[in-house]
């Protein structure tokens, strides 16, 4: 899979980041939340990102 960084909240590599893939999907890097009360299947996960990351991606016309 080819992955391209679209937008991040900082210049480091350990910040919430949005990536595009060559499979027409998005990958999201963020914190793994706990105590959310949701039942998530074992093959899936949740990540939490700042809403400003999505706003910046839209503003920059990346998605």
C-alpha atoms as a PDB file:
ATOM      1  CA  UNK A   1       0.000   0.000   0.000  1.00  0.00           C
ATOM      2  CA  UNK A   2       1.332   3.454  -0.900  1.00  0.00           C
ATOM      3  CA  UNK A   3       0.670   6.056   1.813  1.00  0.00           C
ATOM      4  CA  UNK A   4       0.879   9.842   1.358  1.00  0.00           C
ATOM      5  CA  UNK A   5       0.749  12.307   4.249  1.00  0.00           C
ATOM      6  CA  UNK A   6      -1.994  14.868   3.679  1.00  0.00           C
ATOM      7  CA  UNK A   7      -2.025  17.030   6.787  1.00  0.00           C
ATOM      8  CA  UNK A   8      -0.699  16.960  10.341  1.00  0.00           C
ATOM      9  CA  UNK A   9      -1.011  19.052  13.461  1.00  0.00           C
ATOM     10  CA  UNK A  10       2.777  19.494  13.740  1.00  0.00           C
ATOM     11  CA  UNK A  11       6.096  18.905  11.979  1.00  0.00           C
ATOM     12  CA  UNK A  12       7.013  15.918  14.157  1.00  0.00           C
ATOM     13  CA  UNK A  13       5.958  12.394  13.242  1.00  0.00           C
ATOM     14  CA  UNK A  14       4.159  11.729  16.545  1.00  0.00           C
ATOM     15  CA  UNK A  15       1.153  14.038  16.074  1.00  0.00           C
ATOM     16  CA  UNK A  16      -2.365  13.437  14.752  1.00  0.00           C
ATOM     17  CA  UNK A  17      -2.022  13.017  10.989  1.00  0.00           C
ATOM     18  CA  UNK A  18      -4.267  12.234   8.038  1.00  0.00           C
ATOM     19  CA  UNK A  19      -2.923  10.068   5.201  1.00  0.00           C
ATOM     20  CA  UNK A  20      -4.265   9.044   1.772  1.00  0.00           C
ATOM     21  CA  UNK A  21      -3.619   5.608   0.299  1.00  0.00           C
ATOM     22  CA  UNK A  22      -3.456   4.322  -3.243  1.00  0.00           C
ATOM     23  CA  UNK A  23      -6.564   2.265  -2.404  1.00  0.00           C
ATOM     24  CA  UNK A  24      -8.780   5.395  -2.228  1.00  0.00           C
ATOM     25  CA  UNK A  25      -8.898   5.214   1.561  1.00  0.00           C
ATOM     26  CA  UNK A  26      -7.713   7.394   4.426  1.00  0.00           C
ATOM     27  CA  UNK A  27      -5.518   6.432   7.362  1.00  0.00           C
ATOM     28  CA  UNK A  28      -5.756   8.399  10.598  1.00  0.00           C
ATOM     29  CA  UNK A  29      -2.990   8.655  13.181  1.00  0.00           C
ATOM     30  CA  UNK A  30      -4.154   9.714  16.608  1.00  0.00           C
ATOM     31  CA  UNK A  31      -4.583   8.759  20.248  1.00  0.00           C
ATOM     32  CA  UNK A  32      -6.260   5.464  21.129  1.00  0.00           C
ATOM     33  CA  UNK A  33      -9.119   6.525  23.423  1.00  0.00           C
ATOM     34  CA  UNK A  34     -10.133   4.473  26.440  1.00  0.00           C
ATOM     35  CA  UNK A  35     -13.277   4.381  28.556  1.00  0.00           C
ATOM     36  CA  UNK A  36     -15.463   5.299  25.566  1.00  0.00           C
ATOM     37  CA  UNK A  37     -18.190   2.750  26.344  1.00  0.00           C
ATOM     38  CA  UNK A  38     -18.436   1.537  22.734  1.00  0.00           C
ATOM     39  CA  UNK A  39     -18.338  -2.076  21.587  1.00  0.00           C
ATOM     40  CA  UNK A  40     -15.781  -2.218  18.780  1.00  0.00           C
ATOM     41  CA  UNK A  41     -15.152  -5.476  16.869  1.00  0.00           C
ATOM     42  CA  UNK A  42     -11.757  -7.045  17.530  1.00  0.00           C
ATOM     43  CA  UNK A  43     -10.592  -6.345  13.954  1.00  0.00           C
ATOM     44  CA  UNK A  44     -11.321  -2.590  14.249  1.00  0.00           C
ATOM     45  CA  UNK A  45     -10.045   0.246  16.426  1.00  0.00           C
ATOM     46  CA  UNK A  46     -10.809   3.852  17.291  1.00  0.00           C
ATOM     47  CA  UNK A  47      -8.458   6.816  17.106  1.00  0.00           C
ATOM     48  CA  UNK A  48      -9.145  10.301  18.375  1.00  0.00           C
ATOM     49  CA  UNK A  49      -7.972  13.330  16.392  1.00  0.00           C
ATOM     50  CA  UNK A  50      -8.512  17.073  16.748  1.00  0.00           C
ATOM     51  CA  UNK A  51     -11.401  18.407  14.645  1.00  0.00           C
ATOM     52  CA  UNK A  52      -8.993  21.114  13.433  1.00  0.00           C
ATOM     53  CA  UNK A  53      -7.073  18.401  11.541  1.00  0.00           C
ATOM     54  CA  UNK A  54     -10.144  17.702   9.389  1.00  0.00           C
ATOM     55  CA  UNK A  55     -10.900  21.419   9.025  1.00  0.00           C
ATOM     56  CA  UNK A  56      -7.339  22.055   7.826  1.00  0.00           C
ATOM     57  CA  UNK A  57      -7.562  19.174   5.305  1.00  0.00           C
ATOM     58  CA  UNK A  58     -10.818  20.580   3.923  1.00  0.00           C
ATOM     59  CA  UNK A  59      -9.531  24.167   3.900  1.00  0.00           C
ATOM     60  CA  UNK A  60      -6.405  23.053   2.031  1.00  0.00           C
ATOM     61  CA  UNK A  61      -8.636  21.050  -0.363  1.00  0.00           C
ATOM     62  CA  UNK A  62      -6.832  17.809   0.438  1.00  0.00           C
ATOM     63  CA  UNK A  63     -10.066  15.824   0.858  1.00  0.00           C
END
